[in-house]
């Protein structure tokens, strides 16, 4: 399937964006969530370096260009509805802008699991 066909398979939201769940390829650790538009996804799939769309700055950002904490693509999938992208990456350094390995740094939400408070 060509890159254009892959991009066309994504169900973009009303803003032309799709969420990307980023996962370390070998450990399956969830690193972060970000957003892409069609151009960011094209850059990601054709260069092997992850590019996102910054909703706050309204611009593209290639992960690691300023921090050195790059993400190299190891795999990419879309979910069953086509509206979420899973990127498997090889993360160099911290994934989170706070300097931590993952944006999911253990700040747990209370949840009921199996009828009991987790």
N, C-alpha and C. Protein backbone atom coordinates (compact mmCIF):
# COMPACT_ATOMS: atom_id res chain seq x y z
N UNK A 1 0.85 -1.18 0.00
CA UNK A 1 0.00 0.00 0.00
C UNK A 1 0.90 1.24 0.00
N UNK A 2 0.61 2.18 -0.87
CA UNK A 2 1.42 3.39 -0.95
C UNK A 2 1.20 4.29 0.27
N UNK A 3 2.09 5.23 0.49
CA UNK A 3 1.95 6.18 1.59
C UNK A 3 0.65 6.96 1.45
N UNK A 4 0.32 7.38 0.22
CA UNK A 4 -0.93 8.12 0.01
C UNK A 4 -2.15 7.27 0.37
N UNK A 5 -2.13 6.00 0.04
CA UNK A 5 -3.23 5.10 0.38
C UNK A 5 -3.32 4.89 1.89
N UNK A 6 -2.17 4.80 2.55
CA UNK A 6 -2.16 4.65 4.00
C UNK A 6 -2.75 5.89 4.67
N UNK A 7 -2.37 7.05 4.20
CA UNK A 7 -2.88 8.30 4.77
C UNK A 7 -4.37 8.43 4.51
N UNK A 8 -4.82 8.03 3.33
CA UNK A 8 -6.24 8.09 2.99
C UNK A 8 -7.07 7.14 3.85
N UNK A 9 -6.45 6.12 4.42
CA UNK A 9 -7.18 5.16 5.27
C UNK A 9 -7.49 5.71 6.66
N UNK A 10 -6.86 6.82 7.03
CA UNK A 10 -7.08 7.41 8.35
C UNK A 10 -8.37 8.22 8.35
N UNK A 11 -9.18 8.03 9.39
CA UNK A 11 -10.41 8.81 9.57
C UNK A 11 -10.07 10.05 10.40
N UNK A 12 -9.74 11.14 9.73
CA UNK A 12 -9.33 12.38 10.38
C UNK A 12 -10.51 13.02 11.08
N UNK A 13 -10.27 13.71 12.20
CA UNK A 13 -11.36 14.40 12.90
C UNK A 13 -11.72 15.69 12.15
N UNK A 14 -12.66 16.45 12.71
CA UNK A 14 -13.14 17.66 12.04
C UNK A 14 -12.03 18.69 11.82
N UNK A 15 -10.98 18.63 12.62
CA UNK A 15 -9.84 19.55 12.48
C UNK A 15 -8.76 18.98 11.56
N UNK A 16 -9.02 17.81 10.97
CA UNK A 16 -8.02 17.20 10.10
C UNK A 16 -6.89 16.53 10.85
N UNK A 17 -7.14 16.15 12.09
CA UNK A 17 -6.12 15.55 12.95
C UNK A 17 -6.52 14.15 13.38
N UNK A 18 -5.52 13.38 13.80
CA UNK A 18 -5.74 12.07 14.41
C UNK A 18 -4.78 11.92 15.59
N UNK A 19 -5.27 11.30 16.68
CA UNK A 19 -4.37 11.07 17.81
C UNK A 19 -3.40 9.93 17.51
N UNK A 20 -2.21 10.07 18.09
CA UNK A 20 -1.16 9.06 17.92
C UNK A 20 -0.73 8.58 19.30
N UNK A 21 -0.88 7.30 19.53
CA UNK A 21 -0.36 6.68 20.74
C UNK A 21 1.05 6.22 20.39
N UNK A 22 2.01 6.61 21.20
CA UNK A 22 3.42 6.30 20.91
C UNK A 22 3.90 5.27 21.92
N UNK A 23 4.46 4.19 21.40
CA UNK A 23 4.85 3.05 22.21
C UNK A 23 6.30 2.67 21.88
N UNK A 24 7.08 2.38 22.91
CA UNK A 24 8.43 1.84 22.69
C UNK A 24 8.28 0.48 22.03
N UNK A 25 8.93 0.27 20.91
CA UNK A 25 8.70 -0.91 20.08
C UNK A 25 9.03 -2.22 20.75
N UNK A 26 10.09 -2.27 21.55
CA UNK A 26 10.51 -3.56 22.10
C UNK A 26 9.91 -3.88 23.46
N UNK A 27 9.66 -2.87 24.29
CA UNK A 27 9.11 -3.12 25.62
C UNK A 27 7.60 -2.93 25.68
N UNK A 28 7.03 -2.29 24.65
CA UNK A 28 5.60 -1.98 24.56
C UNK A 28 5.17 -0.91 25.57
N UNK A 29 6.13 -0.23 26.19
CA UNK A 29 5.83 0.84 27.13
C UNK A 29 5.16 2.00 26.38
N UNK A 30 4.03 2.49 26.92
CA UNK A 30 3.36 3.64 26.32
C UNK A 30 4.12 4.90 26.73
N UNK A 31 4.58 5.66 25.74
CA UNK A 31 5.42 6.82 26.01
C UNK A 31 4.64 8.13 26.04
N UNK A 32 3.74 8.32 25.09
CA UNK A 32 3.06 9.62 24.99
C UNK A 32 1.88 9.53 24.04
N UNK A 33 1.11 10.60 24.01
CA UNK A 33 0.04 10.78 23.04
C UNK A 33 0.27 12.13 22.38
N UNK A 34 0.14 12.17 21.07
CA UNK A 34 0.30 13.42 20.33
C UNK A 34 -0.68 13.41 19.16
N UNK A 35 -0.57 14.39 18.29
CA UNK A 35 -1.50 14.55 17.17
C UNK A 35 -0.73 14.70 15.86
N UNK A 36 -1.31 14.19 14.79
CA UNK A 36 -0.78 14.39 13.45
C UNK A 36 -1.88 14.82 12.51
N UNK A 37 -1.49 15.54 11.47
CA UNK A 37 -2.37 15.74 10.32
C UNK A 37 -1.78 14.91 9.19
N UNK A 38 -2.36 15.00 8.01
CA UNK A 38 -1.90 14.16 6.90
C UNK A 38 -0.44 14.44 6.55
N UNK A 39 -0.03 15.70 6.56
CA UNK A 39 1.35 16.03 6.22
C UNK A 39 2.34 15.51 7.27
N UNK A 40 1.99 15.65 8.54
CA UNK A 40 2.87 15.13 9.60
C UNK A 40 3.01 13.61 9.47
N UNK A 41 1.90 12.94 9.17
CA UNK A 41 1.97 11.48 9.00
C UNK A 41 2.81 11.13 7.77
N UNK A 42 2.65 11.88 6.69
CA UNK A 42 3.46 11.65 5.49
C UNK A 42 4.95 11.79 5.82
N UNK A 43 5.32 12.85 6.52
CA UNK A 43 6.73 13.06 6.89
C UNK A 43 7.23 11.91 7.76
N UNK A 44 6.40 11.47 8.69
CA UNK A 44 6.78 10.38 9.59
C UNK A 44 7.02 9.09 8.82
N UNK A 45 6.08 8.75 7.93
CA UNK A 45 6.18 7.48 7.21
C UNK A 45 7.27 7.48 6.15
N UNK A 46 7.62 8.64 5.62
CA UNK A 46 8.62 8.68 4.55
C UNK A 46 10.04 8.94 5.04
N UNK A 47 10.19 9.53 6.23
CA UNK A 47 11.54 9.83 6.73
C UNK A 47 12.01 8.87 7.81
N UNK A 48 11.08 8.21 8.50
CA UNK A 48 11.46 7.34 9.61
C UNK A 48 11.68 8.06 10.92
N UNK A 49 11.53 9.38 10.93
CA UNK A 49 11.58 10.20 12.15
C UNK A 49 10.20 10.77 12.37
N UNK A 50 9.73 10.75 13.61
CA UNK A 50 8.35 11.14 13.90
C UNK A 50 8.17 12.66 13.88
N UNK A 51 7.17 13.09 13.12
CA UNK A 51 6.75 14.49 13.07
C UNK A 51 5.32 14.59 13.56
N UNK A 52 5.05 15.56 14.41
CA UNK A 52 3.71 15.79 14.95
C UNK A 52 3.19 17.16 14.54
N UNK A 53 1.90 17.38 14.80
CA UNK A 53 1.29 18.69 14.64
C UNK A 53 1.02 19.24 16.03
N UNK A 54 1.57 20.39 16.35
CA UNK A 54 1.35 21.03 17.64
C UNK A 54 0.06 21.83 17.59
N UNK A 55 -0.92 21.42 18.35
CA UNK A 55 -2.20 22.14 18.37
C UNK A 55 -2.05 23.49 19.05
N UNK A 56 -1.17 23.60 20.03
CA UNK A 56 -1.01 24.88 20.74
C UNK A 56 -0.20 25.89 19.92
N UNK A 57 0.83 25.43 19.23
CA UNK A 57 1.68 26.35 18.46
C UNK A 57 1.26 26.45 16.99
N UNK A 58 0.36 25.54 16.58
CA UNK A 58 -0.09 25.50 15.19
C UNK A 58 1.07 25.38 14.21
N UNK A 59 1.94 24.39 14.51
CA UNK A 59 3.08 24.14 13.63
C UNK A 59 3.56 22.70 13.77
N UNK A 60 4.34 22.26 12.80
CA UNK A 60 4.92 20.92 12.85
C UNK A 60 6.11 20.91 13.80
N UNK A 61 6.31 19.78 14.45
CA UNK A 61 7.52 19.60 15.25
C UNK A 61 7.99 18.16 15.10
N UNK A 62 9.25 18.05 14.75
CA UNK A 62 9.86 16.73 14.63
C UNK A 62 10.50 16.40 15.96
N UNK A 63 10.05 15.34 16.56
CA UNK A 63 10.49 14.96 17.90
C UNK A 63 12.01 14.84 17.94
N UNK A 64 12.61 15.60 18.85
CA UNK A 64 14.03 15.51 19.09
C UNK A 64 14.87 16.58 18.43
N UNK A 65 14.28 17.40 17.56
CA UNK A 65 15.09 18.40 16.87
C UNK A 65 15.72 19.41 17.83
N UNK A 66 15.03 19.75 18.91
CA UNK A 66 15.62 20.68 19.88
C UNK A 66 16.15 19.97 21.12
N UNK A 67 15.56 18.84 21.49
CA UNK A 67 15.96 18.15 22.71
C UNK A 67 17.00 17.06 22.49
N UNK A 68 17.07 16.54 21.27
CA UNK A 68 17.93 15.39 21.00
C UNK A 68 17.27 14.07 21.35
N UNK A 69 16.06 14.11 21.86
CA UNK A 69 15.34 12.91 22.27
C UNK A 69 14.46 12.43 21.11
N UNK A 70 15.10 11.81 20.14
CA UNK A 70 14.42 11.47 18.89
C UNK A 70 13.59 10.20 19.00
N UNK A 71 12.65 10.09 18.09
CA UNK A 71 11.85 8.88 17.94
C UNK A 71 12.03 8.37 16.52
N UNK A 72 12.55 7.15 16.42
CA UNK A 72 12.73 6.50 15.13
C UNK A 72 11.61 5.49 14.95
N UNK A 73 10.93 5.55 13.84
CA UNK A 73 9.77 4.67 13.59
C UNK A 73 10.22 3.24 13.39
N UNK A 74 9.56 2.33 14.12
CA UNK A 74 9.79 0.89 13.95
C UNK A 74 8.54 0.20 13.41
N UNK A 75 7.37 0.85 13.53
CA UNK A 75 6.13 0.29 13.02
C UNK A 75 5.01 1.28 13.18
N UNK A 76 3.95 1.12 12.39
CA UNK A 76 2.79 2.01 12.47
C UNK A 76 1.53 1.22 12.12
N UNK A 77 0.47 1.48 12.87
CA UNK A 77 -0.82 0.82 12.64
C UNK A 77 -1.93 1.81 12.88
N UNK A 78 -3.09 1.55 12.26
CA UNK A 78 -4.28 2.30 12.63
C UNK A 78 -5.24 1.33 13.30
N UNK A 79 -6.10 1.86 14.15
CA UNK A 79 -7.03 1.00 14.87
C UNK A 79 -8.18 0.57 13.96
N UNK A 80 -9.09 -0.24 14.52
CA UNK A 80 -10.18 -0.82 13.74
C UNK A 80 -11.11 0.22 13.12
N UNK A 81 -11.23 1.39 13.72
CA UNK A 81 -12.07 2.46 13.18
C UNK A 81 -11.29 3.40 12.27
N UNK A 82 -9.98 3.25 12.25
CA UNK A 82 -9.14 4.09 11.42
C UNK A 82 -8.93 5.49 11.97
N UNK A 83 -9.33 5.72 13.23
CA UNK A 83 -9.26 7.09 13.76
C UNK A 83 -8.19 7.31 14.81
N UNK A 84 -7.37 6.31 15.07
CA UNK A 84 -6.26 6.42 16.01
C UNK A 84 -5.06 5.67 15.44
N UNK A 85 -3.90 6.28 15.57
CA UNK A 85 -2.67 5.70 15.04
C UNK A 85 -1.81 5.22 16.21
N UNK A 86 -1.25 4.04 16.06
CA UNK A 86 -0.27 3.51 17.00
C UNK A 86 1.08 3.53 16.32
N UNK A 87 2.01 4.28 16.91
CA UNK A 87 3.38 4.30 16.39
C UNK A 87 4.27 3.54 17.35
N UNK A 88 4.99 2.57 16.83
CA UNK A 88 6.01 1.88 17.59
C UNK A 88 7.33 2.55 17.22
N UNK A 89 8.05 3.03 18.23
CA UNK A 89 9.26 3.80 17.99
C UNK A 89 10.41 3.25 18.81
N UNK A 90 11.59 3.66 18.41
CA UNK A 90 12.77 3.47 19.23
C UNK A 90 13.06 4.86 19.81
N UNK A 91 12.80 5.03 21.09
CA UNK A 91 12.93 6.32 21.76
C UNK A 91 14.35 6.51 22.27
N UNK A 92 14.95 7.63 21.91
CA UNK A 92 16.25 8.02 22.44
C UNK A 92 16.01 9.10 23.48
N UNK A 93 16.38 8.85 24.73
CA UNK A 93 16.17 9.83 25.79
C UNK A 93 14.73 9.89 26.24
N UNK A 94 14.36 11.01 26.83
CA UNK A 94 13.02 11.20 27.39
C UNK A 94 12.00 11.41 26.29
N UNK A 95 10.80 10.86 26.48
CA UNK A 95 9.71 11.10 25.53
C UNK A 95 8.90 12.32 25.94
N UNK A 96 8.82 12.59 27.24
CA UNK A 96 7.97 13.67 27.74
C UNK A 96 8.72 15.00 27.78
N UNK A 97 7.99 16.07 27.53
CA UNK A 97 8.60 17.41 27.57
C UNK A 97 9.06 17.79 28.97
N UNK A 98 8.61 17.04 30.00
CA UNK A 98 9.05 17.30 31.37
C UNK A 98 10.40 16.66 31.66
N UNK A 99 10.90 15.87 30.72
CA UNK A 99 12.19 15.22 30.90
C UNK A 99 12.11 13.79 31.41
N UNK A 100 10.90 13.26 31.57
CA UNK A 100 10.74 11.88 32.02
C UNK A 100 10.66 10.94 30.82
N UNK A 101 10.95 9.69 31.07
CA UNK A 101 10.94 8.67 30.02
C UNK A 101 9.60 8.60 29.31
N UNK A 102 8.52 8.69 30.08
CA UNK A 102 7.17 8.58 29.53
C UNK A 102 6.32 9.71 30.09
N UNK A 103 5.31 10.10 29.34
CA UNK A 103 4.36 11.11 29.84
C UNK A 103 3.41 10.50 30.87
N UNK A 104 3.35 9.18 30.92
CA UNK A 104 2.51 8.48 31.89
C UNK A 104 3.40 8.06 33.05
N UNK A 105 3.66 9.03 33.93
CA UNK A 105 4.68 8.89 34.97
C UNK A 105 4.17 8.39 36.31
N UNK A 106 3.04 7.70 36.30
CA UNK A 106 2.57 7.10 37.54
C UNK A 106 1.56 7.92 38.31
N UNK A 107 1.05 8.99 37.73
CA UNK A 107 -0.01 9.76 38.39
C UNK A 107 -1.32 9.02 38.17
N UNK A 108 -1.61 8.10 39.07
CA UNK A 108 -2.76 7.22 38.91
C UNK A 108 -4.07 7.93 39.20
N UNK A 109 -5.08 7.53 38.46
CA UNK A 109 -6.45 7.94 38.74
C UNK A 109 -7.10 6.80 39.52
N UNK A 110 -7.96 7.15 40.46
CA UNK A 110 -8.69 6.10 41.18
C UNK A 110 -9.65 5.43 40.23
N UNK A 111 -9.68 4.12 40.26
CA UNK A 111 -10.56 3.36 39.39
C UNK A 111 -11.13 2.18 40.15
N UNK A 112 -12.31 1.78 39.77
CA UNK A 112 -12.91 0.58 40.32
C UNK A 112 -12.57 -0.55 39.38
N UNK A 113 -11.86 -1.54 39.92
CA UNK A 113 -11.43 -2.70 39.14
C UNK A 113 -12.00 -3.94 39.78
N UNK A 114 -12.79 -4.68 39.04
CA UNK A 114 -13.36 -5.91 39.59
C UNK A 114 -14.25 -5.66 40.81
N UNK A 115 -14.90 -4.51 40.84
CA UNK A 115 -15.82 -4.21 41.93
C UNK A 115 -15.15 -3.61 43.15
N UNK A 116 -13.82 -3.45 43.13
CA UNK A 116 -13.09 -2.88 44.26
C UNK A 116 -12.29 -1.67 43.81
N UNK A 117 -12.05 -0.78 44.75
CA UNK A 117 -11.22 0.37 44.46
C UNK A 117 -9.79 -0.07 44.18
N UNK A 118 -9.23 0.39 43.08
CA UNK A 118 -7.86 -0.02 42.73
C UNK A 118 -6.85 0.70 43.60
